[in-house]
C-alpha atoms as a PDB file:
ATOM      1  CA  UNK A   1      10.541  40.970  -0.601  1.00  0.00           C
ATOM      2  CA  UNK A   2       9.715  44.104   1.001  1.00  0.00           C
ATOM      3  CA  UNK A   3      11.826  47.347   1.089  1.00  0.00           C
ATOM      4  CA  UNK A   4      12.514  48.491   4.682  1.00  0.00           C
ATOM      5  CA  UNK A   5      14.576  51.582   6.291  1.00  0.00           C
ATOM      6  CA  UNK A   6      14.002  55.047   6.176  1.00  0.00           C
ATOM      7  CA  UNK A   7      16.258  55.360   3.429  1.00  0.00           C
ATOM      8  CA  UNK A   8      13.789  52.665   1.049  1.00  0.00           C
ATOM      9  CA  UNK A   9      17.263  51.565   0.748  1.00  0.00           C
ATOM     10  CA  UNK A  10      17.521  48.419   2.869  1.00  0.00           C
ATOM     11  CA  UNK A  11      15.889  45.318   1.630  1.00  0.00           C
ATOM     12  CA  UNK A  12      14.640  42.145   3.502  1.00  0.00           C
ATOM     13  CA  UNK A  13      13.703  39.071   2.363  1.00  0.00           C
ATOM     14  CA  UNK A  14      10.276  37.935   3.674  1.00  0.00           C
ATOM     15  CA  UNK A  15      10.995  34.637   5.458  1.00  0.00           C
ATOM     16  CA  UNK A  16       9.409  31.726   4.400  1.00  0.00           C
ATOM     17  CA  UNK A  17       6.019  30.368   5.448  1.00  0.00           C
ATOM     18  CA  UNK A  18       6.206  27.057   8.218  1.00  0.00           C
ATOM     19  CA  UNK A  19       5.156  23.573   6.234  1.00  0.00           C
ATOM     20  CA  UNK A  20       1.380  23.406   7.731  1.00  0.00           C
ATOM     21  CA  UNK A  21       2.458  19.961   8.072  1.00  0.00           C
ATOM     22  CA  UNK A  22       5.834  18.469   8.922  1.00  0.00           C
ATOM     23  CA  UNK A  23       7.037  15.577   6.493  1.00  0.00           C
ATOM     24  CA  UNK A  24       6.547  12.399   8.286  1.00  0.00           C
ATOM     25  CA  UNK A  25       2.749  14.023   8.995  1.00  0.00           C
ATOM     26  CA  UNK A  26       2.973  14.337   4.470  1.00  0.00           C
ATOM     27  CA  UNK A  27       4.273  10.809   4.968  1.00  0.00           C
ATOM     28  CA  UNK A  28       1.612   9.117   6.478  1.00  0.00           C
ATOM     29  CA  UNK A  29      -1.324  10.964   4.553  1.00  0.00           C
ATOM     30  CA  UNK A  30       0.631   9.708   1.411  1.00  0.00           C
ATOM     31  CA  UNK A  31       0.412   6.497   2.744  1.00  0.00           C
ATOM     32  CA  UNK A  32      -3.308   6.940   3.811  1.00  0.00           C
ATOM     33  CA  UNK A  33      -3.922   7.146   0.110  1.00  0.00           C
ATOM     34  CA  UNK A  34      -1.915   4.392  -0.963  1.00  0.00           C
ATOM     35  CA  UNK A  35      -4.200   2.082   1.471  1.00  0.00           C
ATOM     36  CA  UNK A  36      -7.083   3.437   0.286  1.00  0.00           C
ATOM     37  CA  UNK A  37      -6.379   2.935  -3.737  1.00  0.00           C
ATOM     38  CA  UNK A  38      -5.011  -1.039  -2.931  1.00  0.00           C
ATOM     39  CA  UNK A  39      -7.932  -1.767  -0.512  1.00  0.00           C
ATOM     40  CA  UNK A  40     -10.330  -1.231  -3.996  1.00  0.00           C
ATOM     41  CA  UNK A  41      -7.751  -3.055  -6.656  1.00  0.00           C
ATOM     42  CA  UNK A  42      -7.007  -6.357  -3.630  1.00  0.00           C
ATOM     43  CA  UNK A  43     -11.741  -6.570  -3.967  1.00  0.00           C
ATOM     44  CA  UNK A  44     -10.841  -6.863  -7.365  1.00  0.00           C
ATOM     45  CA  UNK A  45     -11.537 -10.329  -8.036  1.00  0.00           C
ATOM     46  CA  UNK A  46     -14.403  -9.783  -5.701  1.00  0.00           C
ATOM     47  CA  UNK A  47     -16.045  -7.100  -7.394  1.00  0.00           C
ATOM     48  CA  UNK A  48     -15.401  -9.739 -10.340  1.00  0.00           C
ATOM     49  CA  UNK A  49     -17.552 -12.500  -8.789  1.00  0.00           C
ATOM     50  CA  UNK A  50     -14.417 -14.703  -7.656  1.00  0.00           C
ATOM     51  CA  UNK A  51     -14.223 -16.295 -12.018  1.00  0.00           C
ATOM     52  CA  UNK A  52     -11.113 -14.571 -12.418  1.00  0.00           C
ATOM     53  CA  UNK A  53      -8.020 -15.911 -10.984  1.00  0.00           C
ATOM     54  CA  UNK A  54      -6.294 -13.608  -8.928  1.00  0.00           C
ATOM     55  CA  UNK A  55      -3.211 -14.033 -10.907  1.00  0.00           C
ATOM     56  CA  UNK A  56      -4.697 -13.283 -14.405  1.00  0.00           C
ATOM     57  CA  UNK A  57      -6.462 -10.111 -12.614  1.00  0.00           C
ATOM     58  CA  UNK A  58      -2.704  -9.281 -11.615  1.00  0.00           C
ATOM     59  CA  UNK A  59      -1.123  -9.514 -14.512  1.00  0.00           C
ATOM     60  CA  UNK A  60      -3.362  -7.661 -16.354  1.00  0.00           C
ATOM     61  CA  UNK A  61      -3.322  -4.631 -13.610  1.00  0.00           C
ATOM     62  CA  UNK A  62       0.771  -4.889 -14.420  1.00  0.00           C
ATOM     63  CA  UNK A  63       0.080  -4.602 -18.414  1.00  0.00           C
ATOM     64  CA  UNK A  64      -2.430  -1.215 -18.027  1.00  0.00           C
ATOM     65  CA  UNK A  65       0.553   0.009 -15.132  1.00  0.00           C
ATOM     66  CA  UNK A  66       3.119  -0.453 -17.886  1.00  0.00           C
ATOM     67  CA  UNK A  67       1.199   0.827 -20.705  1.00  0.00           C
ATOM     68  CA  UNK A  68       0.426   4.103 -18.775  1.00  0.00           C
ATOM     69  CA  UNK A  69       4.468   4.474 -17.525  1.00  0.00           C
ATOM     70  CA  UNK A  70       5.200   4.316 -21.538  1.00  0.00           C
ATOM     71  CA  UNK A  71       3.279   6.812 -22.353  1.00  0.00           C
ATOM     72  CA  UNK A  72       4.074   9.358 -20.009  1.00  0.00           C
ATOM     73  CA  UNK A  73       7.898   8.895 -20.201  1.00  0.00           C
ATOM     74  CA  UNK A  74       6.976   8.698 -24.160  1.00  0.00           C
ATOM     75  CA  UNK A  75       5.166  12.129 -23.745  1.00  0.00           C
ATOM     76  CA  UNK A  76       7.592  13.446 -21.521  1.00  0.00           C
ATOM     77  CA  UNK A  77      10.928  12.565 -24.127  1.00  0.00           C
ATOM     78  CA  UNK A  78      12.669  11.137 -21.009  1.00  0.00           C
ATOM     79  CA  UNK A  79      13.559   7.008 -22.329  1.00  0.00           C
ATOM     80  CA  UNK A  80      17.376   8.033 -21.385  1.00  0.00           C
ATOM     81  CA  UNK A  81      17.252   8.480 -18.152  1.00  0.00           C
ATOM     82  CA  UNK A  82      15.063   5.437 -17.193  1.00  0.00           C
ATOM     83  CA  UNK A  83      18.783   3.623 -17.180  1.00  0.00           C
ATOM     84  CA  UNK A  84      18.935   1.742 -13.962  1.00  0.00           C
ATOM     85  CA  UNK A  85      21.847  -0.031 -11.798  1.00  0.00           C
ATOM     86  CA  UNK A  86      19.427  -2.098  -9.478  1.00  0.00           C
ATOM     87  CA  UNK A  87      17.534  -4.034 -12.495  1.00  0.00           C
ATOM     88  CA  UNK A  88      17.646  -7.623  -9.822  1.00  0.00           C
ATOM     89  CA  UNK A  89      16.217  -5.239  -7.117  1.00  0.00           C
ATOM     90  CA  UNK A  90      13.396  -4.140  -9.080  1.00  0.00           C
ATOM     91  CA  UNK A  91      13.019  -7.893 -10.332  1.00  0.00           C
ATOM     92  CA  UNK A  92      12.787  -9.162  -6.612  1.00  0.00           C
ATOM     93  CA  UNK A  93      10.346  -6.109  -5.658  1.00  0.00           C
ATOM     94  CA  UNK A  94       8.197  -6.897  -8.866  1.00  0.00           C
ATOM     95  CA  UNK A  95       7.906 -10.756  -7.982  1.00  0.00           C
ATOM     96  CA  UNK A  96       6.952  -9.699  -3.729  1.00  0.00           C
ATOM     97  CA  UNK A  97       4.060  -7.338  -5.052  1.00  0.00           C
ATOM     98  CA  UNK A  98       3.167  -8.960  -7.625  1.00  0.00           C
ATOM     99  CA  UNK A  99       2.515 -12.195  -5.786  1.00  0.00           C
ATOM    100  CA  UNK A 100       1.357 -10.412  -2.144  1.00  0.00           C
ATOM    101  CA  UNK A 101      -1.211  -8.800  -4.842  1.00  0.00           C
ATOM    102  CA  UNK A 102      -2.346 -12.362  -6.200  1.00  0.00           C
ATOM    103  CA  UNK A 103      -2.518 -13.297  -1.940  1.00  0.00           C
ATOM    104  CA  UNK A 104      -4.613 -10.500  -1.146  1.00  0.00           C
ATOM    105  CA  UNK A 105      -6.733 -10.020  -4.358  1.00  0.00           C
ATOM    106  CA  UNK A 106      -7.558 -14.227  -3.557  1.00  0.00           C
ATOM    107  CA  UNK A 107      -8.176 -13.733   0.422  1.00  0.00           C
ATOM    108  CA  UNK A 108     -10.931 -10.568   0.219  1.00  0.00           C
ATOM    109  CA  UNK A 109     -12.280 -13.359  -2.772  1.00  0.00           C
ATOM    110  CA  UNK A 110     -12.383 -16.215  -0.847  1.00  0.00           C
ATOM    111  CA  UNK A 111     -13.017 -14.959   3.115  1.00  0.00           C
ATOM    112  CA  UNK A 112     -15.093 -11.832   3.873  1.00  0.00           C
ATOM    113  CA  UNK A 113     -13.287  -8.901   3.099  1.00  0.00           C
ATOM    114  CA  UNK A 114     -12.914  -7.630   6.518  1.00  0.00           C
ATOM    115  CA  UNK A 115     -11.471 -10.213   8.059  1.00  0.00           C
ATOM    116  CA  UNK A 116      -8.743 -10.968   5.183  1.00  0.00           C
ATOM    117  CA  UNK A 117      -8.093  -6.913   5.378  1.00  0.00           C
ATOM    118  CA  UNK A 118      -7.553  -7.777   9.144  1.00  0.00           C
ATOM    119  CA  UNK A 119      -5.333 -10.396   8.535  1.00  0.00           C
ATOM    120  CA  UNK A 120      -2.734  -8.550   5.950  1.00  0.00           C
ATOM    121  CA  UNK A 121      -2.593  -5.486   8.694  1.00  0.00           C
ATOM    122  CA  UNK A 122       0.171  -7.662   9.529  1.00  0.00           C
ATOM    123  CA  UNK A 123       1.794  -6.159   6.977  1.00  0.00           C
ATOM    124  CA  UNK A 124       2.454  -3.526   9.359  1.00  0.00           C
ATOM    125  CA  UNK A 125       3.750  -4.721  12.215  1.00  0.00           C
ATOM    126  CA  UNK A 126       6.197  -6.957   9.193  1.00  0.00           C
ATOM    127  CA  UNK A 127       7.307  -3.472   7.604  1.00  0.00           C
ATOM    128  CA  UNK A 128       8.264  -2.244  11.851  1.00  0.00           C
ATOM    129  CA  UNK A 129       9.736  -5.334  12.292  1.00  0.00           C
ATOM    130  CA  UNK A 130      12.009  -5.300   9.034  1.00  0.00           C
ATOM    131  CA  UNK A 131      13.273  -1.192   9.304  1.00  0.00           C
ATOM    132  CA  UNK A 132      14.419  -1.298  12.707  1.00  0.00           C
ATOM    133  CA  UNK A 133      16.474  -4.819  11.338  1.00  0.00           C
ATOM    134  CA  UNK A 134      17.096  -4.803   7.666  1.00  0.00           C
ATOM    135  CA  UNK A 135      17.512  -0.608   7.733  1.00  0.00           C
ATOM    136  CA  UNK A 136      18.498  -0.039  11.297  1.00  0.00           C
ATOM    137  CA  UNK A 137      15.464   2.238  11.501  1.00  0.00           C
ATOM    138  CA  UNK A 138      15.143   3.981  15.372  1.00  0.00           C
ATOM    139  CA  UNK A 139      12.014   3.621  16.711  1.00  0.00           C
ATOM    140  CA  UNK A 140      10.376   4.846  20.604  1.00  0.00           C
ATOM    141  CA  UNK A 141       8.950   3.898  22.553  1.00  0.00           C
ATOM    142  CA  UNK A 142       5.806   5.510  21.878  1.00  0.00           C
ATOM    143  CA  UNK A 143       5.898   4.035  18.154  1.00  0.00           C
ATOM    144  CA  UNK A 144       5.576   0.551  19.653  1.00  0.00           C
ATOM    145  CA  UNK A 145       2.767   1.206  21.579  1.00  0.00           C
ATOM    146  CA  UNK A 146       1.160   2.818  18.910  1.00  0.00           C
ATOM    147  CA  UNK A 147       1.877  -0.335  16.208  1.00  0.00           C
ATOM    148  CA  UNK A 148       0.383  -2.629  19.278  1.00  0.00           C
ATOM    149  CA  UNK A 149      -2.685  -0.397  19.546  1.00  0.00           C
ATOM    150  CA  UNK A 150      -3.092  -0.833  15.885  1.00  0.00           C
ATOM    151  CA  UNK A 151      -2.796  -4.396  15.895  1.00  0.00           C
ATOM    152  CA  UNK A 152      -4.740  -4.415  19.466  1.00  0.00           C
ATOM    153  CA  UNK A 153      -7.617  -3.173  16.937  1.00  0.00           C
ATOM    154  CA  UNK A 154      -7.544  -5.806  14.422  1.00  0.00           C
ATOM    155  CA  UNK A 155      -7.386  -8.477  16.560  1.00  0.00           C
ATOM    156  CA  UNK A 156     -10.723  -6.929  18.035  1.00  0.00           C
ATOM    157  CA  UNK A 157     -11.644  -7.099  14.495  1.00  0.00           C
ATOM    158  CA  UNK A 158     -10.473 -11.204  13.774  1.00  0.00           C
ATOM    159  CA  UNK A 159     -10.616 -12.752  17.200  1.00  0.00           C
ATOM    160  CA  UNK A 160     -14.104 -10.925  18.879  1.00  0.00           C
ATOM    161  CA  UNK A 161     -17.506 -12.971  19.752  1.00  0.00           C
ATOM    162  CA  UNK A 162     -20.808 -11.820  18.552  1.00  0.00           C
ATOM    163  CA  UNK A 163     -20.450 -10.079  14.667  1.00  0.00           C
ATOM    164  CA  UNK A 164     -16.643 -10.613  14.704  1.00  0.00           C
ATOM    165  CA  UNK A 165     -14.921 -12.400  12.665  1.00  0.00           C
ATOM    166  CA  UNK A 166     -15.477 -16.528  12.651  1.00  0.00           C
ATOM    167  CA  UNK A 167     -13.265 -18.648  11.302  1.00  0.00           C
ATOM    168  CA  UNK A 168     -14.794 -21.813   9.482  1.00  0.00           C
ATOM    169  CA  UNK A 169     -12.811 -24.643   8.917  1.00  0.00           C
ATOM    170  CA  UNK A 170     -12.989 -23.627   5.094  1.00  0.00           C
ATOM    171  CA  UNK A 171     -11.462 -20.182   5.735  1.00  0.00           C
ATOM    172  CA  UNK A 172      -8.034 -21.613   7.502  1.00  0.00           C
ATOM    173  CA  UNK A 173      -6.147 -22.214   3.417  1.00  0.00           C
ATOM    174  CA  UNK A 174      -7.851 -18.241   2.349  1.00  0.00           C
ATOM    175  CA  UNK A 175      -6.188 -16.718   5.653  1.00  0.00           C
ATOM    176  CA  UNK A 176      -2.635 -18.396   5.444  1.00  0.00           C
ATOM    177  CA  UNK A 177      -2.866 -16.664   2.198  1.00  0.00           C
ATOM    178  CA  UNK A 178      -3.236 -13.299   3.697  1.00  0.00           C
ATOM    179  CA  UNK A 179      -0.804 -13.727   6.083  1.00  0.00           C
ATOM    180  CA  UNK A 180       1.549 -14.921   3.727  1.00  0.00           C
ATOM    181  CA  UNK A 181       0.774 -12.152   1.462  1.00  0.00           C
ATOM    182  CA  UNK A 182       1.024  -9.716   4.401  1.00  0.00           C
ATOM    183  CA  UNK A 183       5.097 -10.591   4.863  1.00  0.00           C
ATOM    184  CA  UNK A 184       5.185 -10.082   1.449  1.00  0.00           C
ATOM    185  CA  UNK A 185       4.332  -6.426   0.645  1.00  0.00           C
ATOM    186  CA  UNK A 186       6.220  -6.039   3.677  1.00  0.00           C
ATOM    187  CA  UNK A 187       9.011  -7.087   1.947  1.00  0.00           C
ATOM    188  CA  UNK A 188       8.385  -4.791  -1.294  1.00  0.00           C
ATOM    189  CA  UNK A 189       7.523  -1.610   1.133  1.00  0.00           C
ATOM    190  CA  UNK A 190      11.512  -2.116   2.068  1.00  0.00           C
ATOM    191  CA  UNK A 191      12.610  -2.316  -1.640  1.00  0.00           C
ATOM    192  CA  UNK A 192      10.227   0.396  -2.554  1.00  0.00           C
ATOM    193  CA  UNK A 193      12.255   2.246   0.607  1.00  0.00           C
ATOM    194  CA  UNK A 194      15.435   1.397  -0.838  1.00  0.00           C
ATOM    195  CA  UNK A 195      14.822   1.750  -4.203  1.00  0.00           C
ATOM    196  CA  UNK A 196      13.145   5.592  -3.510  1.00  0.00           C
ATOM    197  CA  UNK A 197      17.070   6.570  -1.777  1.00  0.00           C
ATOM    198  CA  UNK A 198      18.622   6.358  -6.284  1.00  0.00           C
ATOM    199  CA  UNK A 199      15.981   5.820  -8.718  1.00  0.00           C
ATOM    200  CA  UNK A 200      13.635   7.876  -9.089  1.00  0.00           C
ATOM    201  CA  UNK A 201       9.851   7.874  -8.910  1.00  0.00           C
ATOM    202  CA  UNK A 202       9.470   7.454 -13.111  1.00  0.00           C
ATOM    203  CA  UNK A 203      12.766   4.328 -13.160  1.00  0.00           C
ATOM    204  CA  UNK A 204      11.090   2.731 -10.285  1.00  0.00           C
ATOM    205  CA  UNK A 205       7.470   2.770 -11.606  1.00  0.00           C
ATOM    206  CA  UNK A 206       8.349   1.496 -14.731  1.00  0.00           C
ATOM    207  CA  UNK A 207      10.708  -1.318 -14.056  1.00  0.00           C
ATOM    208  CA  UNK A 208       8.071  -2.642 -11.185  1.00  0.00           C
ATOM    209  CA  UNK A 209       5.384  -2.982 -13.528  1.00  0.00           C
ATOM    210  CA  UNK A 210       7.661  -4.044 -16.602  1.00  0.00           C
ATOM    211  CA  UNK A 211       9.075  -7.191 -14.372  1.00  0.00           C
ATOM    212  CA  UNK A 212       5.621  -7.337 -13.383  1.00  0.00           C
ATOM    213  CA  UNK A 213       3.744  -7.858 -17.060  1.00  0.00           C
ATOM    214  CA  UNK A 214       7.679 -10.352 -17.995  1.00  0.00           C
ATOM    215  CA  UNK A 215       7.192 -12.973 -14.550  1.00  0.00           C
ATOM    216  CA  UNK A 216       3.002 -12.872 -14.583  1.00  0.00           C
ATOM    217  CA  UNK A 217       3.050 -13.422 -18.647  1.00  0.00           C
ATOM    218  CA  UNK A 218       3.290 -17.431 -18.793  1.00  0.00           C
ATOM    219  CA  UNK A 219       1.757 -18.177 -14.943  1.00  0.00           C
ATOM    220  CA  UNK A 220      -1.719 -15.888 -16.148  1.00  0.00           C
ATOM    221  CA  UNK A 221      -1.886 -17.508 -19.991  1.00  0.00           C
ATOM    222  CA  UNK A 222      -1.221 -20.393 -18.288  1.00  0.00           C
ATOM    223  CA  UNK A 223      -4.740 -19.779 -15.700  1.00  0.00           C
ATOM    224  CA  UNK A 224      -6.475 -17.815 -18.263  1.00  0.00           C
ATOM    225  CA  UNK A 225     -10.272 -17.656 -17.938  1.00  0.00           C
ATOM    226  CA  UNK A 226     -12.389 -15.797 -20.958  1.00  0.00           C
ATOM    227  CA  UNK A 227     -14.190 -12.346 -19.890  1.00  0.00           C
ATOM    228  CA  UNK A 228     -16.084 -10.164 -21.121  1.00  0.00           C
ATOM    229  CA  UNK A 229     -14.450  -7.149 -23.189  1.00  0.00           C
ATOM    230  CA  UNK A 230     -15.567  -4.261 -20.198  1.00  0.00           C
ATOM    231  CA  UNK A 231     -14.132  -6.349 -17.324  1.00  0.00           C
ATOM    232  CA  UNK A 232     -10.895  -6.514 -19.820  1.00  0.00           C
ATOM    233  CA  UNK A 233     -10.779  -2.743 -20.253  1.00  0.00           C
ATOM    234  CA  UNK A 234     -12.130  -2.498 -15.897  1.00  0.00           C
ATOM    235  CA  UNK A 235      -9.034  -4.884 -15.314  1.00  0.00           C
ATOM    236  CA  UNK A 236      -6.351  -3.023 -17.355  1.00  0.00           C
ATOM    237  CA  UNK A 237      -7.561   0.389 -15.058  1.00  0.00           C
ATOM    238  CA  UNK A 238      -6.713  -1.479 -12.351  1.00  0.00           C
ATOM    239  CA  UNK A 239      -3.048  -0.030 -13.576  1.00  0.00           C
ATOM    240  CA  UNK A 240      -3.644   3.785 -13.803  1.00  0.00           C
ATOM    241  CA  UNK A 241      -4.943   3.553 -10.291  1.00  0.00           C
ATOM    242  CA  UNK A 242      -2.480   0.878  -8.816  1.00  0.00           C
ATOM    243  CA  UNK A 243       0.502   3.679 -10.750  1.00  0.00           C
ATOM    244  CA  UNK A 244      -1.131   6.689  -8.103  1.00  0.00           C
ATOM    245  CA  UNK A 245      -1.257   3.799  -5.727  1.00  0.00           C
ATOM    246  CA  UNK A 246       2.883   3.430  -6.390  1.00  0.00           C
ATOM    247  CA  UNK A 247       3.135   6.723  -6.805  1.00  0.00           C
ATOM    248  CA  UNK A 248       1.497   7.760  -3.022  1.00  0.00           C
ATOM    249  CA  UNK A 249       3.850   4.617  -1.535  1.00  0.00           C
ATOM    250  CA  UNK A 250       7.066   6.015  -2.925  1.00  0.00           C
ATOM    251  CA  UNK A 251       6.775   9.024  -1.367  1.00  0.00           C
ATOM    252  CA  UNK A 252       5.306   8.164   1.267  1.00  0.00           C
ATOM    253  CA  UNK A 253       8.668   6.508   1.872  1.00  0.00           C
ATOM    254  CA  UNK A 254      10.515   9.469   0.637  1.00  0.00           C
ATOM    255  CA  UNK A 255       9.451  11.409   3.771  1.00  0.00           C
ATOM    256  CA  UNK A 256       9.182   9.048   6.589  1.00  0.00           C
ATOM    257  CA  UNK A 257      10.456   6.280   7.420  1.00  0.00           C
ATOM    258  CA  UNK A 258       9.192   2.516   6.409  1.00  0.00           C
ATOM    259  CA  UNK A 259       9.259   1.924  10.716  1.00  0.00           C
ATOM    260  CA  UNK A 260       6.399   4.472  10.952  1.00  0.00           C
ATOM    261  CA  UNK A 261       4.418   4.124   7.949  1.00  0.00           C
ATOM    262  CA  UNK A 262       4.323   0.247   8.129  1.00  0.00           C
ATOM    263  CA  UNK A 263       1.640   0.929  10.627  1.00  0.00           C
ATOM    264  CA  UNK A 264       0.100   3.581   8.833  1.00  0.00           C
ATOM    265  CA  UNK A 265      -1.434   0.477   6.969  1.00  0.00           C
ATOM    266  CA  UNK A 266      -3.792  -0.712   9.493  1.00  0.00           C
ATOM    267  CA  UNK A 267      -6.290   1.827   8.065  1.00  0.00           C
ATOM    268  CA  UNK A 268      -6.576  -0.347   5.500  1.00  0.00           C
ATOM    269  CA  UNK A 269      -9.392  -2.488   7.430  1.00  0.00           C
ATOM    270  CA  UNK A 270     -11.900   0.674   7.837  1.00  0.00           C
ATOM    271  CA  UNK A 271     -11.092   1.382   3.853  1.00  0.00           C
ATOM    272  CA  UNK A 272     -11.797  -2.111   3.385  1.00  0.00           C
ATOM    273  CA  UNK A 273     -14.939  -2.457   5.860  1.00  0.00           C
ATOM    274  CA  UNK A 274     -16.270   0.815   4.627  1.00  0.00           C
ATOM    275  CA  UNK A 275     -16.055  -0.852   0.495  1.00  0.00           C
ATOM    276  CA  UNK A 276     -17.694  -3.936   1.757  1.00  0.00           C
ATOM    277  CA  UNK A 277     -20.131  -2.420   3.579  1.00  0.00           C
ATOM    278  CA  UNK A 278     -20.826  -0.418   0.470  1.00  0.00           C
ATOM    279  CA  UNK A 279     -19.989  -3.328  -2.787  1.00  0.00           C
ATOM    280  CA  UNK A 280     -21.354  -6.291  -0.806  1.00  0.00           C
ATOM    281  CA  UNK A 281     -23.700  -5.908   2.228  1.00  0.00           C
ATOM    282  CA  UNK A 282     -21.288  -7.376   4.842  1.00  0.00           C
ATOM    283  CA  UNK A 283     -22.484  -4.736   7.619  1.00  0.00           C
ATOM    284  CA  UNK A 284     -19.901  -4.377  10.171  1.00  0.00           C
ATOM    285  CA  UNK A 285     -20.423  -5.362  12.964  1.00  0.00           C
ATOM    286  CA  UNK A 286     -20.110  -3.714  16.980  1.00  0.00           C
ATOM    287  CA  UNK A 287     -16.589  -5.631  17.143  1.00  0.00           C
ATOM    288  CA  UNK A 288     -15.433  -4.039  13.459  1.00  0.00           C
ATOM    289  CA  UNK A 289     -16.606  -0.949  14.290  1.00  0.00           C
ATOM    290  CA  UNK A 290     -14.762  -1.228  17.650  1.00  0.00           C
ATOM    291  CA  UNK A 291     -11.820  -2.443  16.666  1.00  0.00           C
ATOM    292  CA  UNK A 292     -11.090  -0.244  13.226  1.00  0.00           C
ATOM    293  CA  UNK A 293     -11.878   2.881  16.050  1.00  0.00           C
ATOM    294  CA  UNK A 294      -8.984   1.242  18.019  1.00  0.00           C
ATOM    295  CA  UNK A 295      -7.492   1.372  15.071  1.00  0.00           C
ATOM    296  CA  UNK A 296      -7.552   4.988  14.081  1.00  0.00           C
ATOM    297  CA  UNK A 297      -6.330   5.892  17.823  1.00  0.00           C
ATOM    298  CA  UNK A 298      -3.073   4.345  17.015  1.00  0.00           C
ATOM    299  CA  UNK A 299      -2.668   5.973  13.395  1.00  0.00           C
ATOM    300  CA  UNK A 300      -3.428   8.739  15.220  1.00  0.00           C
ATOM    301  CA  UNK A 301      -1.154   8.055  18.071  1.00  0.00           C
ATOM    302  CA  UNK A 302       1.713   7.622  15.321  1.00  0.00           C
ATOM    303  CA  UNK A 303       1.263  10.526  13.562  1.00  0.00           C
ATOM    304  CA  UNK A 304       1.509  12.449  16.347  1.00  0.00           C
ATOM    305  CA  UNK A 305       4.794  10.400  18.016  1.00  0.00           C
ATOM    306  CA  UNK A 306       8.657  11.749  16.483  1.00  0.00           C
ATOM    307  CA  UNK A 307      10.926   9.711  14.805  1.00  0.00           C
ATOM    308  CA  UNK A 308      13.908   8.947  17.152  1.00  0.00           C
ATOM    309  CA  UNK A 309      17.116  10.143  16.820  1.00  0.00           C
ATOM    310  CA  UNK A 310      19.873   8.922  15.116  1.00  0.00           C
END
């Protein structure tokens, strides 16, 4: 606030500064951060050498996440505000997310990381279609074109010759698992968008980890494999990492439509290829590099296109 006028009595309010980037662009940045975190989580099985079942890893992730949220809620004295009117939706979301996560972990363990990520990227297309059909979101033609460009980049990685992805008979089973996981994660994304409209971020995080821990407990114990103490700790630490990723996702869906954010997931292949190179010496071939460039171009185009009027 500043004083203006000859007599010094007129007050003029300083206009608030305009945001550097719009809400949708912020949502896209939140979504990209979430993708990077989950790319690391989904390759946890491969980091463990494929010795631990994906179901066991996923359950430990939910347990670690639940413990993190419980500590936060208790420290803030917020238990009275944790009630929900949609427990069924939270449970279904946890089931879809848990199964989708297990599928992604299994696929990344059974085949090259970039290959599994390329198939999982169909989640973005599924999310756009579900956002339009179930949530009534409208998508400009430019956005469909940007999504198609991202999908084309993924196709280059998967089907190009040379050093691109080569599907052997042994890879078709994990490829189908990755495809099913992509569909489940897309359904979860729509549920996050629905829940984010009426539930607080902490409530959404609490119930997904609670139901995930309960639903996967018995199945995880049935396939349980012994592990070292450090490995157990590492898998439990996936919980806080997933909490951070889920928080980024919730914030993203508060700021942008599901149809907008769906294609953003195509950056997953960029993260996966980079982590595969750094952790497993899986050097991306020319097809992977070219596809990554196309995916990034589609993502930038997506970020620069405006949302369709409702």
